[in-house]
N, C-alpha and C. Protein backbone atom coordinates (compact mmCIF):
# COMPACT_ATOMS: atom_id res chain seq x y z
N UNK A 1 -9.83 17.42 87.94
CA UNK A 1 -10.40 18.66 88.43
C UNK A 1 -9.73 19.02 89.74
N UNK A 2 -9.45 20.28 89.90
CA UNK A 2 -8.79 20.72 91.11
C UNK A 2 -9.62 21.84 91.73
N UNK A 3 -10.12 21.60 92.93
CA UNK A 3 -10.82 22.62 93.69
C UNK A 3 -9.86 23.17 94.73
N UNK A 4 -10.05 24.41 95.09
CA UNK A 4 -9.29 25.01 96.18
C UNK A 4 -10.29 25.49 97.24
N UNK A 5 -9.78 25.74 98.42
CA UNK A 5 -10.62 26.13 99.54
C UNK A 5 -10.05 27.37 100.20
N UNK A 6 -10.93 28.21 100.71
CA UNK A 6 -10.51 29.33 101.53
C UNK A 6 -11.55 29.55 102.62
N UNK A 7 -11.10 30.13 103.73
CA UNK A 7 -12.01 30.40 104.84
C UNK A 7 -13.09 31.40 104.42
N UNK A 8 -14.29 31.17 104.91
CA UNK A 8 -15.38 32.14 104.69
C UNK A 8 -15.07 33.38 105.51
N UNK A 9 -15.20 34.53 104.86
CA UNK A 9 -15.15 35.82 105.54
C UNK A 9 -16.60 36.24 105.72
N UNK A 10 -17.13 36.21 106.94
CA UNK A 10 -18.56 36.43 107.13
C UNK A 10 -19.09 37.73 106.52
N UNK A 11 -18.37 38.80 106.66
CA UNK A 11 -18.86 40.08 106.13
C UNK A 11 -18.76 40.14 104.60
N UNK A 12 -17.59 39.81 104.09
CA UNK A 12 -17.36 39.90 102.65
C UNK A 12 -18.17 38.89 101.87
N UNK A 13 -18.29 37.67 102.40
CA UNK A 13 -18.96 36.59 101.67
C UNK A 13 -20.46 36.51 101.91
N UNK A 14 -20.98 37.27 102.86
CA UNK A 14 -22.41 37.18 103.19
C UNK A 14 -23.33 37.41 101.99
N UNK A 15 -23.10 38.42 101.13
CA UNK A 15 -24.01 38.59 100.00
C UNK A 15 -24.03 37.37 99.06
N UNK A 16 -22.87 36.80 98.78
CA UNK A 16 -22.81 35.61 97.93
C UNK A 16 -23.53 34.44 98.60
N UNK A 17 -23.20 34.17 99.86
CA UNK A 17 -23.82 33.05 100.57
C UNK A 17 -25.33 33.25 100.68
N UNK A 18 -25.75 34.48 100.92
CA UNK A 18 -27.19 34.78 100.98
C UNK A 18 -27.86 34.43 99.67
N UNK A 19 -27.19 34.72 98.55
CA UNK A 19 -27.79 34.42 97.24
C UNK A 19 -27.91 32.92 97.00
N UNK A 20 -27.14 32.12 97.73
CA UNK A 20 -27.23 30.66 97.62
C UNK A 20 -28.25 30.09 98.60
N UNK A 21 -28.16 30.47 99.88
CA UNK A 21 -28.96 29.80 100.92
C UNK A 21 -30.43 30.20 100.90
N UNK A 22 -30.78 31.23 100.14
CA UNK A 22 -32.18 31.65 100.08
C UNK A 22 -32.89 31.16 98.81
N UNK A 23 -32.25 30.32 98.04
CA UNK A 23 -32.89 29.73 96.85
C UNK A 23 -33.70 28.50 97.27
N UNK A 24 -34.77 28.23 96.56
CA UNK A 24 -35.61 27.08 96.94
C UNK A 24 -34.85 25.76 97.04
N UNK A 25 -33.87 25.51 96.18
CA UNK A 25 -33.15 24.25 96.25
C UNK A 25 -32.37 24.09 97.55
N UNK A 26 -32.10 25.21 98.24
CA UNK A 26 -31.34 25.17 99.48
C UNK A 26 -32.25 25.17 100.71
N UNK A 27 -33.48 24.75 100.55
CA UNK A 27 -34.43 24.81 101.66
C UNK A 27 -33.96 24.06 102.89
N UNK A 28 -33.25 22.95 102.71
CA UNK A 28 -32.79 22.18 103.86
C UNK A 28 -31.66 22.89 104.62
N UNK A 29 -31.12 23.95 104.05
CA UNK A 29 -30.09 24.72 104.74
C UNK A 29 -30.72 25.52 105.87
N UNK A 30 -32.03 25.77 105.77
CA UNK A 30 -32.77 26.43 106.85
C UNK A 30 -32.63 27.93 106.92
N UNK A 31 -32.28 28.58 105.81
CA UNK A 31 -32.07 30.03 105.85
C UNK A 31 -32.87 30.76 104.76
N UNK A 32 -33.94 30.16 104.27
CA UNK A 32 -34.68 30.74 103.14
C UNK A 32 -35.16 32.16 103.38
N UNK A 33 -35.54 32.49 104.59
CA UNK A 33 -36.09 33.83 104.86
C UNK A 33 -35.08 34.76 105.52
N UNK A 34 -33.83 34.35 105.63
CA UNK A 34 -32.81 35.18 106.27
C UNK A 34 -32.36 36.31 105.35
N UNK A 35 -31.97 37.42 105.96
CA UNK A 35 -31.39 38.52 105.22
C UNK A 35 -29.87 38.40 105.18
N UNK A 36 -29.23 39.28 104.45
CA UNK A 36 -27.76 39.26 104.34
C UNK A 36 -27.13 39.41 105.72
N UNK A 37 -27.68 40.29 106.55
CA UNK A 37 -27.12 40.49 107.90
C UNK A 37 -27.24 39.21 108.73
N UNK A 38 -28.36 38.48 108.56
CA UNK A 38 -28.53 37.21 109.29
C UNK A 38 -27.46 36.20 108.87
N UNK A 39 -27.19 36.14 107.58
CA UNK A 39 -26.18 35.21 107.07
C UNK A 39 -24.81 35.60 107.59
N UNK A 40 -24.50 36.89 107.58
CA UNK A 40 -23.22 37.36 108.10
C UNK A 40 -23.08 37.00 109.58
N UNK A 41 -24.14 37.19 110.36
CA UNK A 41 -24.10 36.87 111.78
C UNK A 41 -23.94 35.37 112.02
N UNK A 42 -24.63 34.55 111.24
CA UNK A 42 -24.52 33.10 111.37
C UNK A 42 -23.09 32.64 111.12
N UNK A 43 -22.48 33.15 110.05
CA UNK A 43 -21.12 32.70 109.73
C UNK A 43 -20.06 33.33 110.62
N UNK A 44 -20.34 34.51 111.17
CA UNK A 44 -19.42 35.07 112.17
C UNK A 44 -19.42 34.17 113.40
N UNK A 45 -20.59 33.70 113.80
CA UNK A 45 -20.69 32.80 114.95
C UNK A 45 -19.99 31.48 114.69
N UNK A 46 -20.16 30.93 113.50
CA UNK A 46 -19.50 29.67 113.14
C UNK A 46 -17.99 29.84 113.20
N UNK A 47 -17.49 30.90 112.56
CA UNK A 47 -16.04 31.08 112.49
C UNK A 47 -15.43 31.38 113.87
N UNK A 48 -16.21 31.95 114.78
CA UNK A 48 -15.69 32.28 116.11
C UNK A 48 -15.86 31.15 117.12
N UNK A 49 -16.56 30.09 116.75
CA UNK A 49 -16.94 29.04 117.71
C UNK A 49 -15.78 28.23 118.26
N UNK A 50 -14.75 28.03 117.46
CA UNK A 50 -13.65 27.17 117.89
C UNK A 50 -13.88 25.70 117.63
N UNK A 51 -15.10 25.32 117.21
CA UNK A 51 -15.39 23.91 116.94
C UNK A 51 -16.15 23.70 115.64
N UNK A 52 -16.41 24.78 114.93
CA UNK A 52 -17.18 24.74 113.68
C UNK A 52 -16.50 25.74 112.74
N UNK A 53 -16.30 25.35 111.49
CA UNK A 53 -15.54 26.19 110.56
C UNK A 53 -16.16 26.11 109.17
N UNK A 54 -16.26 27.24 108.48
CA UNK A 54 -16.85 27.29 107.15
C UNK A 54 -15.80 27.68 106.12
N UNK A 55 -15.86 27.00 104.96
CA UNK A 55 -14.94 27.24 103.86
C UNK A 55 -15.73 27.42 102.57
N UNK A 56 -15.23 28.28 101.71
CA UNK A 56 -15.74 28.37 100.35
C UNK A 56 -14.87 27.49 99.48
N UNK A 57 -15.52 26.69 98.65
CA UNK A 57 -14.80 25.91 97.66
C UNK A 57 -14.78 26.66 96.35
N UNK A 58 -13.62 26.75 95.75
CA UNK A 58 -13.45 27.50 94.50
C UNK A 58 -13.16 26.54 93.36
N UNK A 59 -13.76 26.83 92.23
CA UNK A 59 -13.50 26.08 91.00
C UNK A 59 -12.89 27.06 90.02
N UNK A 60 -11.60 26.91 89.77
CA UNK A 60 -10.92 27.87 88.90
C UNK A 60 -10.95 29.27 89.47
N UNK A 61 -10.91 29.39 90.79
CA UNK A 61 -10.94 30.69 91.45
C UNK A 61 -12.32 31.26 91.65
N UNK A 62 -13.36 30.60 91.13
CA UNK A 62 -14.74 31.08 91.23
C UNK A 62 -15.44 30.34 92.37
N UNK A 63 -16.06 31.06 93.32
CA UNK A 63 -16.79 30.37 94.39
C UNK A 63 -17.84 29.43 93.80
N UNK A 64 -17.80 28.16 94.23
CA UNK A 64 -18.68 27.15 93.67
C UNK A 64 -19.47 26.38 94.72
N UNK A 65 -18.96 26.32 95.95
CA UNK A 65 -19.67 25.59 96.99
C UNK A 65 -19.22 26.06 98.37
N UNK A 66 -20.05 25.75 99.35
CA UNK A 66 -19.81 26.06 100.74
C UNK A 66 -19.69 24.75 101.49
N UNK A 67 -18.68 24.61 102.30
CA UNK A 67 -18.57 23.43 103.15
C UNK A 67 -18.27 23.87 104.58
N UNK A 68 -18.81 23.12 105.50
CA UNK A 68 -18.56 23.37 106.91
C UNK A 68 -18.04 22.08 107.52
N UNK A 69 -17.14 22.22 108.45
CA UNK A 69 -16.68 21.08 109.23
C UNK A 69 -16.82 21.44 110.69
N UNK A 70 -17.14 20.44 111.50
CA UNK A 70 -17.39 20.71 112.91
C UNK A 70 -17.07 19.48 113.76
N UNK A 71 -16.89 19.72 115.04
CA UNK A 71 -16.65 18.64 115.99
C UNK A 71 -18.00 18.15 116.50
N UNK A 72 -18.39 16.92 116.19
CA UNK A 72 -19.71 16.43 116.61
C UNK A 72 -19.94 16.50 118.12
N UNK A 73 -18.89 16.32 118.92
CA UNK A 73 -19.03 16.39 120.37
C UNK A 73 -19.39 17.76 120.89
N UNK A 74 -19.22 18.79 120.06
CA UNK A 74 -19.56 20.17 120.44
C UNK A 74 -20.77 20.66 119.67
N UNK A 75 -21.55 19.73 119.12
CA UNK A 75 -22.71 20.07 118.31
C UNK A 75 -23.95 19.39 118.89
N UNK A 76 -25.13 19.63 118.31
CA UNK A 76 -26.32 18.91 118.76
C UNK A 76 -26.21 17.39 118.63
N UNK A 77 -25.24 16.90 117.86
CA UNK A 77 -25.05 15.46 117.74
C UNK A 77 -24.44 14.83 119.00
N UNK A 78 -23.93 15.66 119.90
CA UNK A 78 -23.22 15.14 121.08
C UNK A 78 -24.06 14.12 121.85
N UNK A 79 -25.35 14.34 121.95
CA UNK A 79 -26.19 13.40 122.68
C UNK A 79 -26.91 12.42 121.79
N UNK A 80 -26.69 12.48 120.49
CA UNK A 80 -27.44 11.65 119.55
C UNK A 80 -26.76 10.33 119.22
N UNK A 81 -25.45 10.26 119.43
CA UNK A 81 -24.70 9.02 119.17
C UNK A 81 -23.42 9.07 119.97
N UNK A 82 -22.77 7.92 120.19
CA UNK A 82 -21.50 7.93 120.92
C UNK A 82 -20.35 8.45 120.04
N UNK A 83 -20.00 9.70 120.25
CA UNK A 83 -18.95 10.34 119.45
C UNK A 83 -17.62 9.65 119.73
N UNK A 84 -16.88 9.38 118.65
CA UNK A 84 -15.55 8.74 118.77
C UNK A 84 -14.45 9.76 118.48
N UNK A 85 -13.27 9.53 119.05
CA UNK A 85 -12.12 10.35 118.63
C UNK A 85 -11.92 10.14 117.12
N UNK A 86 -11.63 11.21 116.42
CA UNK A 86 -11.43 11.10 114.97
C UNK A 86 -12.68 11.36 114.15
N UNK A 87 -13.83 11.60 114.82
CA UNK A 87 -15.05 11.97 114.09
C UNK A 87 -15.02 13.45 113.75
N UNK A 88 -15.42 13.78 112.54
CA UNK A 88 -15.59 15.17 112.13
C UNK A 88 -16.90 15.26 111.36
N UNK A 89 -17.67 16.30 111.66
CA UNK A 89 -18.93 16.52 110.96
C UNK A 89 -18.71 17.37 109.73
N UNK A 90 -19.61 17.21 108.76
CA UNK A 90 -19.47 17.93 107.49
C UNK A 90 -20.84 18.35 106.98
N UNK A 91 -20.92 19.59 106.47
CA UNK A 91 -22.08 20.10 105.75
C UNK A 91 -21.58 20.53 104.37
N UNK A 92 -22.45 20.47 103.37
CA UNK A 92 -22.06 20.86 102.02
C UNK A 92 -23.24 21.48 101.30
N UNK A 93 -23.01 22.60 100.64
CA UNK A 93 -24.01 23.23 99.78
C UNK A 93 -23.30 23.66 98.50
N UNK A 94 -23.73 23.10 97.39
CA UNK A 94 -23.17 23.48 96.09
C UNK A 94 -23.93 24.69 95.60
N UNK A 95 -23.21 25.68 95.10
CA UNK A 95 -23.83 26.89 94.59
C UNK A 95 -24.68 26.61 93.36
N UNK A 96 -25.51 27.58 92.99
CA UNK A 96 -26.38 27.38 91.84
C UNK A 96 -25.58 27.26 90.54
N UNK A 97 -26.13 26.54 89.57
CA UNK A 97 -25.41 26.38 88.30
C UNK A 97 -25.30 27.70 87.56
N UNK A 98 -24.17 27.91 86.90
CA UNK A 98 -23.99 29.14 86.12
C UNK A 98 -24.38 28.92 84.67
N UNK A 99 -24.34 27.71 84.20
CA UNK A 99 -24.72 27.38 82.82
C UNK A 99 -25.60 26.13 82.87
N UNK A 100 -25.46 25.29 81.87
CA UNK A 100 -26.19 24.02 81.86
C UNK A 100 -25.59 23.09 82.90
N UNK A 101 -26.43 22.36 83.63
CA UNK A 101 -25.91 21.43 84.64
C UNK A 101 -24.98 20.39 84.02
N UNK A 102 -23.95 20.02 84.76
CA UNK A 102 -23.00 19.01 84.31
C UNK A 102 -23.10 17.78 85.18
N UNK A 103 -23.41 16.63 84.60
CA UNK A 103 -23.49 15.40 85.40
C UNK A 103 -22.16 15.12 86.09
N UNK A 104 -22.25 14.71 87.34
CA UNK A 104 -21.06 14.33 88.09
C UNK A 104 -20.40 15.46 88.85
N UNK A 105 -20.86 16.69 88.66
CA UNK A 105 -20.19 17.82 89.30
C UNK A 105 -20.30 17.76 90.82
N UNK A 106 -21.51 17.52 91.33
CA UNK A 106 -21.70 17.51 92.77
C UNK A 106 -20.93 16.36 93.42
N UNK A 107 -20.88 15.21 92.77
CA UNK A 107 -20.08 14.10 93.29
C UNK A 107 -18.60 14.48 93.32
N UNK A 108 -18.13 15.20 92.30
CA UNK A 108 -16.74 15.63 92.27
C UNK A 108 -16.46 16.62 93.40
N UNK A 109 -17.42 17.51 93.68
CA UNK A 109 -17.26 18.45 94.79
C UNK A 109 -17.18 17.69 96.11
N UNK A 110 -18.11 16.76 96.32
CA UNK A 110 -18.08 16.01 97.59
C UNK A 110 -16.80 15.19 97.71
N UNK A 111 -16.35 14.62 96.61
CA UNK A 111 -15.09 13.88 96.61
C UNK A 111 -13.95 14.79 97.07
N UNK A 112 -13.91 16.01 96.57
CA UNK A 112 -12.86 16.95 96.97
C UNK A 112 -12.96 17.30 98.45
N UNK A 113 -14.17 17.51 98.95
CA UNK A 113 -14.36 17.84 100.36
C UNK A 113 -13.93 16.67 101.24
N UNK A 114 -14.38 15.46 100.89
CA UNK A 114 -14.00 14.29 101.68
C UNK A 114 -12.50 14.03 101.59
N UNK A 115 -11.94 14.19 100.40
CA UNK A 115 -10.50 14.01 100.25
C UNK A 115 -9.72 14.97 101.14
N UNK A 116 -10.17 16.21 101.20
CA UNK A 116 -9.52 17.21 102.05
C UNK A 116 -9.61 16.79 103.52
N UNK A 117 -10.78 16.32 103.95
CA UNK A 117 -10.93 15.90 105.34
C UNK A 117 -10.07 14.68 105.66
N UNK A 118 -10.10 13.67 104.78
CA UNK A 118 -9.35 12.45 105.05
C UNK A 118 -7.85 12.62 104.83
N UNK A 119 -7.43 13.74 104.24
CA UNK A 119 -5.99 14.03 104.17
C UNK A 119 -5.43 14.35 105.56
N UNK A 120 -6.31 14.67 106.49
CA UNK A 120 -5.88 14.94 107.86
C UNK A 120 -5.79 13.61 108.60
N UNK A 121 -4.63 13.23 109.08
CA UNK A 121 -4.46 11.90 109.68
C UNK A 121 -5.34 11.65 110.90
N UNK A 122 -5.74 12.71 111.59
CA UNK A 122 -6.56 12.52 112.79
C UNK A 122 -8.02 12.21 112.48
N UNK A 123 -8.44 12.41 111.23
CA UNK A 123 -9.84 12.16 110.86
C UNK A 123 -10.01 10.67 110.54
N UNK A 124 -10.88 10.01 111.30
CA UNK A 124 -11.18 8.59 111.11
C UNK A 124 -12.51 8.38 110.40
N UNK A 125 -13.50 9.23 110.75
CA UNK A 125 -14.83 9.12 110.16
C UNK A 125 -15.39 10.51 109.91
N UNK A 126 -16.14 10.64 108.83
CA UNK A 126 -16.90 11.86 108.56
C UNK A 126 -18.35 11.54 108.89
N UNK A 127 -18.98 12.45 109.61
CA UNK A 127 -20.34 12.29 110.09
C UNK A 127 -21.23 13.32 109.38
N UNK A 128 -22.39 12.88 108.90
CA UNK A 128 -23.36 13.79 108.31
C UNK A 128 -24.72 13.52 108.92
N UNK A 129 -25.58 14.55 108.91
CA UNK A 129 -26.91 14.43 109.48
C UNK A 129 -27.91 15.22 108.65
N UNK A 130 -28.11 14.82 107.38
CA UNK A 130 -29.08 15.54 106.56
C UNK A 130 -30.51 15.24 106.99
N UNK A 131 -31.38 16.15 106.68
CA UNK A 131 -32.80 15.97 106.93
C UNK A 131 -33.27 14.67 106.29
N UNK A 132 -34.12 13.92 106.98
CA UNK A 132 -34.59 12.63 106.45
C UNK A 132 -35.32 12.79 105.12
N UNK A 133 -35.87 13.98 104.86
CA UNK A 133 -36.61 14.21 103.60
C UNK A 133 -35.70 14.52 102.42
N UNK A 134 -34.43 14.75 102.67
CA UNK A 134 -33.50 15.16 101.61
C UNK A 134 -32.95 13.92 100.90
N UNK A 135 -33.81 13.26 100.14
CA UNK A 135 -33.45 11.98 99.52
C UNK A 135 -32.34 12.11 98.49
N UNK A 136 -32.24 13.25 97.83
CA UNK A 136 -31.17 13.42 96.84
C UNK A 136 -29.79 13.34 97.49
N UNK A 137 -29.67 13.94 98.66
CA UNK A 137 -28.35 13.90 99.30
C UNK A 137 -28.07 12.54 99.91
N UNK A 138 -29.11 11.83 100.35
CA UNK A 138 -28.88 10.48 100.87
C UNK A 138 -28.24 9.61 99.79
N UNK A 139 -28.75 9.71 98.55
CA UNK A 139 -28.20 8.92 97.45
C UNK A 139 -26.74 9.31 97.17
N UNK A 140 -26.45 10.60 97.18
CA UNK A 140 -25.07 11.05 96.94
C UNK A 140 -24.15 10.60 98.07
N UNK A 141 -24.64 10.72 99.30
CA UNK A 141 -23.82 10.27 100.44
C UNK A 141 -23.46 8.80 100.29
N UNK A 142 -24.44 7.98 99.96
CA UNK A 142 -24.18 6.54 99.80
C UNK A 142 -23.17 6.30 98.68
N UNK A 143 -23.30 7.06 97.61
CA UNK A 143 -22.38 6.91 96.47
C UNK A 143 -20.93 7.18 96.87
N UNK A 144 -20.74 8.06 97.85
CA UNK A 144 -19.38 8.42 98.28
C UNK A 144 -18.91 7.63 99.49
N UNK A 145 -19.69 6.63 99.93
CA UNK A 145 -19.22 5.75 100.99
C UNK A 145 -19.88 5.89 102.34
N UNK A 146 -20.85 6.77 102.48
CA UNK A 146 -21.55 6.92 103.76
C UNK A 146 -22.49 5.75 103.99
N UNK A 147 -22.55 5.34 105.25
CA UNK A 147 -23.45 4.25 105.65
C UNK A 147 -24.44 4.82 106.67
N UNK A 148 -25.73 4.70 106.38
CA UNK A 148 -26.73 5.20 107.33
C UNK A 148 -26.68 4.44 108.65
N UNK A 149 -26.86 5.18 109.75
CA UNK A 149 -26.85 4.57 111.08
C UNK A 149 -28.20 4.70 111.77
N UNK A 150 -29.13 5.43 111.15
CA UNK A 150 -30.46 5.59 111.73
C UNK A 150 -30.88 7.03 111.81
N UNK A 151 -32.15 7.20 112.13
CA UNK A 151 -32.74 8.54 112.24
C UNK A 151 -32.54 9.04 113.67
N UNK A 152 -32.13 10.30 113.79
CA UNK A 152 -31.96 10.93 115.09
C UNK A 152 -32.76 12.23 115.12
N UNK A 153 -33.27 12.57 116.29
CA UNK A 153 -34.01 13.82 116.46
C UNK A 153 -33.02 14.91 116.89
N UNK A 154 -32.93 15.95 116.08
CA UNK A 154 -32.09 17.10 116.39
C UNK A 154 -33.00 18.30 116.63
N UNK A 155 -32.50 19.38 117.20
CA UNK A 155 -33.38 20.50 117.53
C UNK A 155 -34.16 21.07 116.33
N UNK A 156 -33.57 20.99 115.13
CA UNK A 156 -34.22 21.62 113.98
C UNK A 156 -34.74 20.63 112.93
N UNK A 157 -34.60 19.31 113.17
CA UNK A 157 -35.01 18.35 112.15
C UNK A 157 -34.92 16.92 112.65
N UNK A 158 -35.54 16.03 111.89
CA UNK A 158 -35.29 14.60 112.00
C UNK A 158 -34.20 14.32 110.97
N UNK A 159 -33.10 13.73 111.38
CA UNK A 159 -31.94 13.60 110.51
C UNK A 159 -31.55 12.14 110.32
N UNK A 160 -31.03 11.85 109.14
CA UNK A 160 -30.47 10.53 108.88
C UNK A 160 -28.98 10.59 109.20
N UNK A 161 -28.62 10.06 110.35
CA UNK A 161 -27.23 10.04 110.78
C UNK A 161 -26.48 9.01 109.93
N UNK A 162 -25.37 9.43 109.34
CA UNK A 162 -24.59 8.53 108.49
C UNK A 162 -23.11 8.77 108.74
N UNK A 163 -22.32 7.70 108.52
CA UNK A 163 -20.89 7.76 108.76
C UNK A 163 -20.14 7.28 107.52
N UNK A 164 -18.97 7.86 107.29
CA UNK A 164 -18.10 7.43 106.21
C UNK A 164 -16.70 7.26 106.79
N UNK A 165 -16.22 6.02 106.79
CA UNK A 165 -14.85 5.76 107.25
C UNK A 165 -13.89 6.04 106.10
N UNK A 166 -12.65 6.16 106.41
CA UNK A 166 -11.62 6.36 105.39
C UNK A 166 -11.66 5.23 104.36
N UNK A 167 -11.76 3.98 104.83
CA UNK A 167 -11.75 2.85 103.90
C UNK A 167 -13.01 2.81 103.04
N UNK A 168 -14.16 3.16 103.62
CA UNK A 168 -15.39 3.21 102.82
C UNK A 168 -15.30 4.30 101.76
N UNK A 169 -14.73 5.44 102.13
CA UNK A 169 -14.55 6.53 101.16
C UNK A 169 -13.63 6.10 100.03
N UNK A 170 -12.50 5.50 100.36
CA UNK A 170 -11.55 5.10 99.32
C UNK A 170 -12.15 4.04 98.39
N UNK A 171 -12.92 3.12 98.94
CA UNK A 171 -13.59 2.11 98.11
C UNK A 171 -14.60 2.77 97.18
N UNK A 172 -15.41 3.69 97.72
CA UNK A 172 -16.41 4.37 96.90
C UNK A 172 -15.75 5.26 95.85
N UNK A 173 -14.68 5.92 96.25
CA UNK A 173 -13.97 6.82 95.32
C UNK A 173 -13.43 6.06 94.11
N UNK A 174 -12.99 4.84 94.33
CA UNK A 174 -12.46 4.03 93.24
C UNK A 174 -13.53 3.73 92.20
N UNK A 175 -14.80 3.82 92.59
CA UNK A 175 -15.91 3.53 91.68
C UNK A 175 -16.40 4.77 90.93
N UNK A 176 -15.94 5.96 91.32
CA UNK A 176 -16.39 7.19 90.66
C UNK A 176 -15.80 7.27 89.25
N UNK A 177 -16.58 7.78 88.30
CA UNK A 177 -16.01 7.98 86.96
C UNK A 177 -14.90 9.02 87.02
N UNK A 178 -13.89 8.83 86.25
CA UNK A 178 -12.75 9.75 86.25
C UNK A 178 -12.93 10.91 85.29
N UNK A 179 -13.94 10.89 84.46
CA UNK A 179 -14.17 12.00 83.51
C UNK A 179 -15.12 13.01 84.13
N UNK A 180 -14.72 13.56 85.28
CA UNK A 180 -15.55 14.53 85.97
C UNK A 180 -15.46 15.88 85.28
N UNK A 181 -16.48 16.70 85.43
CA UNK A 181 -16.48 18.01 84.77
C UNK A 181 -15.39 18.92 85.31
N UNK A 182 -15.01 19.89 84.51
CA UNK A 182 -13.95 20.79 84.94
C UNK A 182 -14.32 22.26 84.82
N UNK A 183 -15.57 22.56 84.52
CA UNK A 183 -15.97 23.96 84.44
C UNK A 183 -16.86 24.32 85.62
N UNK A 184 -17.10 25.63 85.85
CA UNK A 184 -17.92 26.02 86.98
C UNK A 184 -19.40 25.67 86.84
N UNK A 185 -19.87 25.14 85.74
CA UNK A 185 -21.26 24.73 85.62
C UNK A 185 -21.53 23.59 86.58
N UNK A 186 -22.71 23.60 87.19
CA UNK A 186 -22.98 22.58 88.19
C UNK A 186 -24.47 22.38 88.40
N UNK A 187 -24.80 21.24 88.93
CA UNK A 187 -26.16 20.95 89.35
C UNK A 187 -26.19 21.04 90.86
N UNK A 188 -27.01 21.92 91.44
CA UNK A 188 -27.00 22.05 92.88
C UNK A 188 -27.68 20.87 93.57
N UNK A 189 -27.00 20.33 94.56
CA UNK A 189 -27.60 19.32 95.44
C UNK A 189 -27.29 19.77 96.85
N UNK A 190 -28.29 20.31 97.56
CA UNK A 190 -28.03 20.85 98.88
C UNK A 190 -27.90 19.76 99.93
N UNK A 191 -26.91 19.90 100.78
CA UNK A 191 -26.82 19.03 101.94
C UNK A 191 -27.78 19.54 102.99
N UNK A 192 -27.98 20.81 103.00
CA UNK A 192 -28.91 21.40 103.93
C UNK A 192 -28.68 20.97 105.35
N UNK A 193 -27.75 21.59 106.02
CA UNK A 193 -27.42 21.21 107.38
C UNK A 193 -27.15 19.73 107.45
N UNK A 194 -26.33 19.29 106.57
CA UNK A 194 -26.01 17.87 106.45
C UNK A 194 -25.46 17.29 107.66
């Protein structure tokens, strides 16, 4: 399976992103009651920040997921743990399924996102901070090599801080089934401000 990535255009992509972040499964994303203009403003701020960046993941040219990467030292995590050089934060939201859910799709998406991050030589660890109640994403994170480091209090949630080193990712990736799905059908698993 081959996913491609492109930068989020806040104005153009806001209606699509709004249709994803306001669904009940995306509750941990924290935007359930936001309007299209709110989503556009949020992503305009992210893209202009200089330390936080949003990308749309495409499956066969069709938008399938949203991923964000950020510098933990410039985020609310700055005071929550000792940030190391080479740390990069990641959020992930898989779009709603278009057909019947396909087992393994979300793991394949996360594998692609982590692979893209670890392709950058300066990235040593990927950091995530999903809501402690988001048990589905905790299981997926562990499956892809993340190791929990403890609960941290952030301005908008109690989060399970977890880290994935390059070696942990590669070990976990070797255990993933290779018969991953190749169509845009998917089962949504929200990272929700992961």
